Amino acid sequence: MIRRPPRSTPKPSSAASDVYKRQGKNIIISTCLVYLALNKLRQQEYKEGLKLLDKALHLYSEHFPAARLRIKTLYAIGTDWKKSANAFKKAIELYPPYLTELLPLGVSIKERLGQEEEAIDLVKTWVYFITRYNSRKGNDHAILPDTWRAVKGYHKLLPEDLLNALKDKFPKETQSFSN
């Protein structure tokens, strides 16, 4: 015999609904942890901030603002470059447009690990993206000077057509690039 709840109780939720509710709670808690971490990072308490970011990502592994702050924090601490490389990869996988902001960190990490080819590949990937990207609104986001410095360090290793596309789209920013 199947037992049913009395009519006065609400209809039981499905397992899928419970998962969505739990995921929603985890996103909210993770976001709160990111704000707490940000406060710690502003106070230059990097290790405490990193612990909070790790908790946030443990609760909700796809929290890309937490992943972004985590790579920046690991880079600032600067003790484990392999861990930093993994954190960089995770942040970019979660939200690829972060590559524009995080490219200098990624290139520096690859250089510190002796992975020059991977550093060049990062720069190429970014240049391919940025030369093909067109904003729907026409107001492109500013590219940070650190990003341009990272690209300039490798511009001579870019394929000619890619370098020309970059120079055509960003003549002012690339005027100091020599062939």
Foldseek 3Di string as FASTA:
>chain_A
DDDDDPPVDDDDDDPVVVVVVQLVVLQVQLVVLQVVLVVCVVVVVLVVSLVSLVSSCVSPVLPLVSLVVNLVSCVVVPDDLVVSLVSVVSNCVSPVVCLLVCLLVNLVSCVVVVNNVVNLVSLQVVLVVVLPDADPVRDDDDRDPSSLVSNLVCLVVHPPVSSVSSCVVCVPSCVPRDD
